[in-house]
Amino acid sequence: MSDAKIAPDQVVGSEIQDGLQIGLDGSGSPGTLLHGGSESKSGEAWDVVTIEACNIDSSNRVLTIAWGGIATKDLVLFTMAPREGRVPIIIKGRLKRGLEIRAWASVADKINVYVEVGVLDGQETV
């Protein structure tokens, strides 16, 4: 594993405004768009994505991340304990340019998500 140089092209998910969390207001597919994928300058760029989530409810909730698509093979599920904040969900996951990341919760308006994105130029490894 070498040290990757992540360009500061993006520091938060494309759908995050002012660095704030995104509240998941839907409870099913296709969910809330978290990141729309960066456009590659070289054709070989990768997004390096970290997702954290907070369950603000008093009950367990299931968070579904749709990683690059919404087919069954693209879904990653997490059961989040109540009142847990900024729990790492995906750390430095790589996603080819232009692919979307979406999310939804088992109950609307109970999970907030923060997304941070860096861009690899295709010549580096993570």
N, C-alpha and C. Protein backbone atom coordinates (compact mmCIF):
# COMPACT_ATOMS: atom_id res chain seq x y z
N MET A 1 0.84 -1.17 0.00
CA MET A 1 0.00 0.00 0.00
C MET A 1 0.89 1.24 0.00
N SER A 2 0.66 2.13 -0.94
CA SER A 2 1.44 3.36 -0.98
C SER A 2 0.59 4.52 -0.49
N ASP A 3 1.26 5.64 -0.27
CA ASP A 3 0.54 6.83 0.15
C ASP A 3 -0.13 7.45 -1.07
N ALA A 4 -1.44 7.54 -1.04
CA ALA A 4 -2.18 8.14 -2.15
C ALA A 4 -2.21 9.64 -1.99
N LYS A 5 -2.15 10.32 -3.10
CA LYS A 5 -2.32 11.76 -3.09
C LYS A 5 -3.74 12.05 -3.52
N ILE A 6 -4.52 12.49 -2.61
CA ILE A 6 -5.92 12.80 -2.91
C ILE A 6 -6.02 14.29 -3.19
N ALA A 7 -6.45 14.59 -4.40
CA ALA A 7 -6.58 15.99 -4.80
C ALA A 7 -7.70 16.65 -4.03
N PRO A 8 -7.54 17.91 -3.68
CA PRO A 8 -8.59 18.62 -2.94
C PRO A 8 -9.70 19.13 -3.86
N ASP A 9 -9.96 18.43 -4.98
CA ASP A 9 -11.02 18.85 -5.90
C ASP A 9 -12.37 18.91 -5.20
N GLN A 10 -12.62 17.97 -4.32
CA GLN A 10 -13.87 17.95 -3.56
C GLN A 10 -13.53 17.56 -2.13
N VAL A 11 -14.17 18.21 -1.21
CA VAL A 11 -13.93 17.87 0.19
C VAL A 11 -15.17 17.32 0.86
N VAL A 12 -16.32 17.50 0.23
CA VAL A 12 -17.54 16.89 0.75
C VAL A 12 -18.32 16.33 -0.42
N GLY A 13 -19.29 15.47 -0.15
CA GLY A 13 -20.10 14.90 -1.21
C GLY A 13 -20.77 16.00 -2.03
N SER A 14 -21.00 15.72 -3.28
CA SER A 14 -21.52 16.74 -4.18
C SER A 14 -22.88 17.27 -3.77
N GLU A 15 -23.61 16.54 -2.97
CA GLU A 15 -24.94 16.97 -2.56
C GLU A 15 -24.96 17.65 -1.20
N ILE A 16 -23.81 17.76 -0.56
CA ILE A 16 -23.73 18.42 0.74
C ILE A 16 -23.51 19.91 0.53
N GLN A 17 -24.30 20.71 1.20
CA GLN A 17 -24.17 22.15 1.09
C GLN A 17 -23.62 22.71 2.39
N ASP A 18 -22.63 23.55 2.27
CA ASP A 18 -22.04 24.24 3.42
C ASP A 18 -21.44 23.29 4.45
N GLY A 19 -21.09 22.07 4.06
CA GLY A 19 -20.48 21.12 4.98
C GLY A 19 -21.43 20.51 5.98
N LEU A 20 -22.73 20.68 5.79
CA LEU A 20 -23.72 20.16 6.72
C LEU A 20 -24.10 18.72 6.39
N GLN A 21 -24.64 18.02 7.36
CA GLN A 21 -25.12 16.66 7.15
C GLN A 21 -26.37 16.66 6.26
N ILE A 22 -26.62 15.51 5.66
CA ILE A 22 -27.82 15.32 4.85
C ILE A 22 -28.79 14.47 5.67
N GLY A 23 -29.99 14.96 5.88
CA GLY A 23 -31.03 14.17 6.53
C GLY A 23 -31.69 13.25 5.51
N LEU A 24 -31.80 11.97 5.83
CA LEU A 24 -32.43 11.02 4.91
C LEU A 24 -33.93 11.09 5.09
N ASP A 25 -34.59 11.72 4.15
CA ASP A 25 -36.03 11.94 4.27
C ASP A 25 -36.86 10.86 3.59
N GLY A 26 -36.22 9.88 3.02
CA GLY A 26 -36.93 8.77 2.38
C GLY A 26 -36.64 7.46 3.09
N SER A 27 -37.54 6.51 2.92
CA SER A 27 -37.34 5.21 3.58
C SER A 27 -37.33 4.07 2.57
N GLY A 28 -36.92 4.35 1.34
CA GLY A 28 -36.84 3.30 0.34
C GLY A 28 -36.09 3.76 -0.90
N SER A 29 -35.85 2.82 -1.79
CA SER A 29 -35.14 3.09 -3.02
C SER A 29 -35.93 4.05 -3.91
N PRO A 30 -35.31 4.95 -4.62
CA PRO A 30 -33.87 5.08 -4.87
C PRO A 30 -33.12 5.87 -3.79
N GLY A 31 -33.81 6.42 -2.82
CA GLY A 31 -33.16 7.10 -1.71
C GLY A 31 -32.69 8.50 -2.03
N THR A 32 -31.92 9.03 -1.11
CA THR A 32 -31.39 10.39 -1.20
C THR A 32 -30.02 10.35 -1.85
N LEU A 33 -29.80 11.20 -2.83
CA LEU A 33 -28.49 11.29 -3.48
C LEU A 33 -27.49 11.91 -2.51
N LEU A 34 -26.40 11.18 -2.24
CA LEU A 34 -25.35 11.70 -1.36
C LEU A 34 -24.20 12.29 -2.17
N HIS A 35 -23.87 11.61 -3.28
CA HIS A 35 -22.74 12.06 -4.10
C HIS A 35 -22.98 11.62 -5.53
N GLY A 36 -22.84 12.56 -6.44
CA GLY A 36 -23.13 12.30 -7.84
C GLY A 36 -21.94 11.84 -8.65
N GLY A 37 -20.78 11.67 -8.04
CA GLY A 37 -19.60 11.23 -8.77
C GLY A 37 -18.91 12.39 -9.44
N SER A 38 -17.60 12.41 -9.36
CA SER A 38 -16.84 13.49 -9.97
C SER A 38 -16.56 13.16 -11.43
N GLU A 39 -16.44 14.18 -12.21
CA GLU A 39 -16.06 13.98 -13.61
C GLU A 39 -14.54 13.91 -13.67
N SER A 40 -14.04 12.92 -14.38
CA SER A 40 -12.61 12.69 -14.45
C SER A 40 -11.96 13.58 -15.50
N LYS A 41 -10.82 14.10 -15.16
CA LYS A 41 -10.04 14.84 -16.15
C LYS A 41 -9.21 13.87 -16.98
N SER A 42 -8.79 12.77 -16.39
CA SER A 42 -7.91 11.83 -17.08
C SER A 42 -8.65 10.59 -17.59
N GLY A 43 -9.90 10.40 -17.19
CA GLY A 43 -10.62 9.19 -17.57
C GLY A 43 -10.37 8.03 -16.62
N GLU A 44 -9.44 8.21 -15.71
CA GLU A 44 -9.08 7.14 -14.78
C GLU A 44 -9.28 7.54 -13.32
N ALA A 45 -9.96 8.62 -13.07
CA ALA A 45 -10.10 9.11 -11.70
C ALA A 45 -11.06 8.25 -10.89
N TRP A 46 -10.78 8.18 -9.62
CA TRP A 46 -11.62 7.48 -8.64
C TRP A 46 -12.00 8.48 -7.56
N ASP A 47 -13.22 8.36 -7.07
CA ASP A 47 -13.61 9.08 -5.86
C ASP A 47 -13.24 8.21 -4.67
N VAL A 48 -12.69 8.83 -3.64
CA VAL A 48 -12.38 8.14 -2.39
C VAL A 48 -13.35 8.71 -1.37
N VAL A 49 -14.27 7.86 -0.90
CA VAL A 49 -15.43 8.33 -0.16
C VAL A 49 -15.44 7.80 1.27
N THR A 50 -15.67 8.71 2.20
CA THR A 50 -15.90 8.34 3.59
C THR A 50 -17.31 8.80 3.96
N ILE A 51 -18.07 7.87 4.54
CA ILE A 51 -19.44 8.18 4.96
C ILE A 51 -19.55 7.93 6.46
N GLU A 52 -20.09 8.92 7.16
CA GLU A 52 -20.41 8.80 8.57
C GLU A 52 -21.91 9.04 8.73
N ALA A 53 -22.50 8.41 9.74
CA ALA A 53 -23.94 8.57 9.93
C ALA A 53 -24.27 8.71 11.41
N CYS A 54 -25.41 9.33 11.66
CA CYS A 54 -25.88 9.57 13.02
C CYS A 54 -27.35 9.15 13.10
N ASN A 55 -27.66 8.23 14.01
CA ASN A 55 -29.04 7.84 14.28
C ASN A 55 -29.55 8.73 15.40
N ILE A 56 -30.47 9.64 15.09
CA ILE A 56 -30.96 10.58 16.10
C ILE A 56 -32.19 10.06 16.83
N ASP A 57 -32.62 8.84 16.49
CA ASP A 57 -33.83 8.27 17.07
C ASP A 57 -33.51 7.51 18.35
N SER A 58 -34.55 7.07 19.04
CA SER A 58 -34.38 6.29 20.28
C SER A 58 -34.49 4.79 20.03
N SER A 59 -34.55 4.37 18.77
CA SER A 59 -34.64 2.96 18.39
C SER A 59 -33.58 2.63 17.34
N ASN A 60 -33.23 1.33 17.24
CA ASN A 60 -32.34 0.89 16.17
C ASN A 60 -32.97 1.23 14.82
N ARG A 61 -32.14 1.65 13.88
CA ARG A 61 -32.59 1.93 12.53
C ARG A 61 -31.61 1.32 11.54
N VAL A 62 -32.13 0.87 10.40
CA VAL A 62 -31.27 0.30 9.36
C VAL A 62 -30.98 1.38 8.32
N LEU A 63 -29.70 1.57 8.06
CA LEU A 63 -29.24 2.49 7.03
C LEU A 63 -28.82 1.66 5.82
N THR A 64 -29.32 2.02 4.65
CA THR A 64 -28.93 1.35 3.42
C THR A 64 -28.16 2.33 2.55
N ILE A 65 -26.96 1.91 2.15
CA ILE A 65 -26.14 2.69 1.23
C ILE A 65 -26.19 1.98 -0.12
N ALA A 66 -26.57 2.71 -1.15
CA ALA A 66 -26.57 2.19 -2.53
C ALA A 66 -25.28 2.70 -3.17
N TRP A 67 -24.30 1.82 -3.31
CA TRP A 67 -22.94 2.16 -3.70
C TRP A 67 -22.76 1.95 -5.20
N GLY A 68 -22.98 3.00 -5.98
CA GLY A 68 -22.77 2.92 -7.42
C GLY A 68 -23.99 2.49 -8.21
N GLY A 69 -25.05 2.10 -7.55
CA GLY A 69 -26.28 1.68 -8.20
C GLY A 69 -27.29 1.27 -7.15
N ILE A 70 -28.49 0.86 -7.59
CA ILE A 70 -29.52 0.48 -6.62
C ILE A 70 -29.94 -0.98 -6.77
N ALA A 71 -29.15 -1.77 -7.52
CA ALA A 71 -29.41 -3.20 -7.61
C ALA A 71 -29.02 -3.87 -6.29
N THR A 72 -29.52 -5.04 -6.05
CA THR A 72 -29.23 -5.76 -4.80
C THR A 72 -27.73 -5.87 -4.55
N LYS A 73 -26.95 -6.12 -5.58
CA LYS A 73 -25.50 -6.28 -5.44
C LYS A 73 -24.80 -4.99 -4.99
N ASP A 74 -25.47 -3.85 -5.15
CA ASP A 74 -24.89 -2.55 -4.81
C ASP A 74 -25.20 -2.09 -3.38
N LEU A 75 -26.07 -2.81 -2.68
CA LEU A 75 -26.56 -2.34 -1.38
C LEU A 75 -25.68 -2.80 -0.23
N VAL A 76 -25.45 -1.88 0.68
CA VAL A 76 -24.71 -2.16 1.91
C VAL A 76 -25.60 -1.72 3.06
N LEU A 77 -25.92 -2.65 3.97
CA LEU A 77 -26.84 -2.35 5.08
C LEU A 77 -26.10 -2.28 6.41
N PHE A 78 -26.53 -1.33 7.24
CA PHE A 78 -25.96 -1.14 8.56
C PHE A 78 -27.09 -0.96 9.55
N THR A 79 -27.05 -1.68 10.67
CA THR A 79 -27.98 -1.43 11.76
C THR A 79 -27.32 -0.46 12.72
N MET A 80 -27.97 0.67 12.92
CA MET A 80 -27.41 1.71 13.77
C MET A 80 -28.14 1.76 15.10
N ALA A 81 -27.37 1.75 16.16
CA ALA A 81 -27.93 1.84 17.50
C ALA A 81 -28.49 3.24 17.72
N PRO A 82 -29.43 3.37 18.66
CA PRO A 82 -30.03 4.68 18.91
C PRO A 82 -29.04 5.70 19.46
N ARG A 83 -29.28 6.94 19.06
CA ARG A 83 -28.53 8.08 19.57
C ARG A 83 -27.02 7.96 19.38
N GLU A 84 -26.63 7.33 18.28
CA GLU A 84 -25.20 7.26 17.96
C GLU A 84 -24.90 8.32 16.91
N GLY A 85 -23.81 9.03 17.11
CA GLY A 85 -23.50 10.11 16.20
C GLY A 85 -22.18 9.96 15.49
N ARG A 86 -22.15 10.37 14.22
CA ARG A 86 -20.96 10.36 13.38
C ARG A 86 -20.22 9.03 13.46
N VAL A 87 -20.95 7.95 13.27
CA VAL A 87 -20.37 6.61 13.25
C VAL A 87 -19.79 6.36 11.86
N PRO A 88 -18.52 5.93 11.76
CA PRO A 88 -17.96 5.61 10.45
C PRO A 88 -18.72 4.45 9.81
N ILE A 89 -19.19 4.66 8.60
CA ILE A 89 -19.93 3.63 7.87
C ILE A 89 -19.05 3.05 6.77
N ILE A 90 -18.49 3.90 5.94
CA ILE A 90 -17.54 3.50 4.90
C ILE A 90 -16.35 4.44 5.01
N ILE A 91 -15.15 3.87 5.06
CA ILE A 91 -13.94 4.67 5.21
C ILE A 91 -13.06 4.49 3.98
N LYS A 92 -12.84 5.56 3.27
CA LYS A 92 -11.99 5.59 2.08
C LYS A 92 -12.38 4.52 1.06
N GLY A 93 -13.68 4.36 0.84
CA GLY A 93 -14.14 3.45 -0.21
C GLY A 93 -13.90 4.09 -1.57
N ARG A 94 -13.44 3.28 -2.52
CA ARG A 94 -13.17 3.80 -3.86
C ARG A 94 -14.35 3.53 -4.78
N LEU A 95 -14.67 4.51 -5.59
CA LEU A 95 -15.79 4.40 -6.53
C LEU A 95 -15.38 5.09 -7.82
N LYS A 96 -15.54 4.38 -8.93
CA LYS A 96 -15.17 4.92 -10.23
C LYS A 96 -15.96 6.20 -10.53
N ARG A 97 -15.34 7.11 -11.20
CA ARG A 97 -15.93 8.42 -11.50
C ARG A 97 -17.31 8.29 -12.14
N GLY A 98 -18.17 9.23 -11.82
CA GLY A 98 -19.48 9.31 -12.44
C GLY A 98 -20.54 8.41 -11.82
N LEU A 99 -20.19 7.53 -10.89
CA LEU A 99 -21.19 6.67 -10.26
C LEU A 99 -21.78 7.38 -9.05
N GLU A 100 -23.03 7.07 -8.76
CA GLU A 100 -23.74 7.73 -7.67
C GLU A 100 -23.71 6.91 -6.39
N ILE A 101 -23.82 7.64 -5.28
CA ILE A 101 -24.03 7.02 -3.97
C ILE A 101 -25.33 7.58 -3.43
N ARG A 102 -26.23 6.69 -3.04
CA ARG A 102 -27.53 7.07 -2.49
C ARG A 102 -27.70 6.38 -1.14
N ALA A 103 -28.65 6.85 -0.36
CA ALA A 103 -28.91 6.23 0.95
C ALA A 103 -30.36 6.42 1.34
N TRP A 104 -30.84 5.47 2.15
CA TRP A 104 -32.15 5.61 2.78
C TRP A 104 -32.12 4.86 4.10
N ALA A 105 -33.10 5.18 4.94
CA ALA A 105 -33.18 4.58 6.27
C ALA A 105 -34.49 3.81 6.40
N SER A 106 -34.56 2.92 7.39
CA SER A 106 -35.77 2.14 7.61
C SER A 106 -36.95 3.02 8.00
N VAL A 107 -36.66 4.19 8.57
CA VAL A 107 -37.69 5.18 8.91
C VAL A 107 -37.14 6.55 8.49
N ALA A 108 -37.95 7.32 7.79
CA ALA A 108 -37.52 8.63 7.31
C ALA A 108 -37.22 9.59 8.46
N ASP A 109 -36.29 10.49 8.21
CA ASP A 109 -35.95 11.58 9.12
C ASP A 109 -35.36 11.14 10.46
N LYS A 110 -34.70 9.99 10.49
CA LYS A 110 -34.09 9.51 11.73
C LYS A 110 -32.58 9.33 11.61
N ILE A 111 -32.04 9.35 10.40
CA ILE A 111 -30.60 9.20 10.20
C ILE A 111 -30.09 10.37 9.37
N ASN A 112 -28.99 10.95 9.86
CA ASN A 112 -28.29 12.01 9.14
C ASN A 112 -26.96 11.46 8.66
N VAL A 113 -26.52 11.91 7.50
CA VAL A 113 -25.31 11.36 6.87
C VAL A 113 -24.37 12.50 6.50
N TYR A 114 -23.07 12.27 6.71
CA TYR A 114 -22.03 13.19 6.27
C TYR A 114 -21.13 12.43 5.29
N VAL A 115 -20.79 13.06 4.19
CA VAL A 115 -19.98 12.43 3.15
C VAL A 115 -18.79 13.31 2.84
N GLU A 116 -17.61 12.71 2.86
CA GLU A 116 -16.39 13.41 2.48
C GLU A 116 -15.78 12.68 1.29
N VAL A 117 -15.35 13.45 0.28
CA VAL A 117 -14.86 12.85 -0.97
C VAL A 117 -13.53 13.48 -1.36
N GLY A 118 -12.59 12.63 -1.71
CA GLY A 118 -11.34 13.07 -2.35
C GLY A 118 -11.30 12.42 -3.72
N VAL A 119 -10.41 12.89 -4.58
CA VAL A 119 -10.32 12.35 -5.93
C VAL A 119 -8.90 11.87 -6.19
N LEU A 120 -8.78 10.61 -6.61
CA LEU A 120 -7.50 10.07 -7.07
C LEU A 120 -7.44 10.25 -8.56
N ASP A 121 -6.25 10.55 -9.08
CA ASP A 121 -6.14 10.83 -10.50
C ASP A 121 -5.99 9.58 -11.36
N GLY A 122 -6.01 8.40 -10.76
CA GLY A 122 -5.89 7.16 -11.53
C GLY A 122 -4.49 6.61 -11.59
N GLN A 123 -3.51 7.37 -11.14
CA GLN A 123 -2.13 6.91 -11.14
C GLN A 123 -1.63 6.59 -9.75
N GLU A 124 -2.48 6.77 -8.77
CA GLU A 124 -2.13 6.52 -7.37
C GLU A 124 -2.89 5.31 -6.88
N THR A 125 -2.47 4.71 -5.80
CA THR A 125 -3.22 3.62 -5.19
C THR A 125 -3.50 3.99 -3.75
N VAL A 126 -4.59 3.43 -3.24
CA VAL A 126 -4.97 3.70 -1.86
C VAL A 126 -4.46 2.56 -1.00
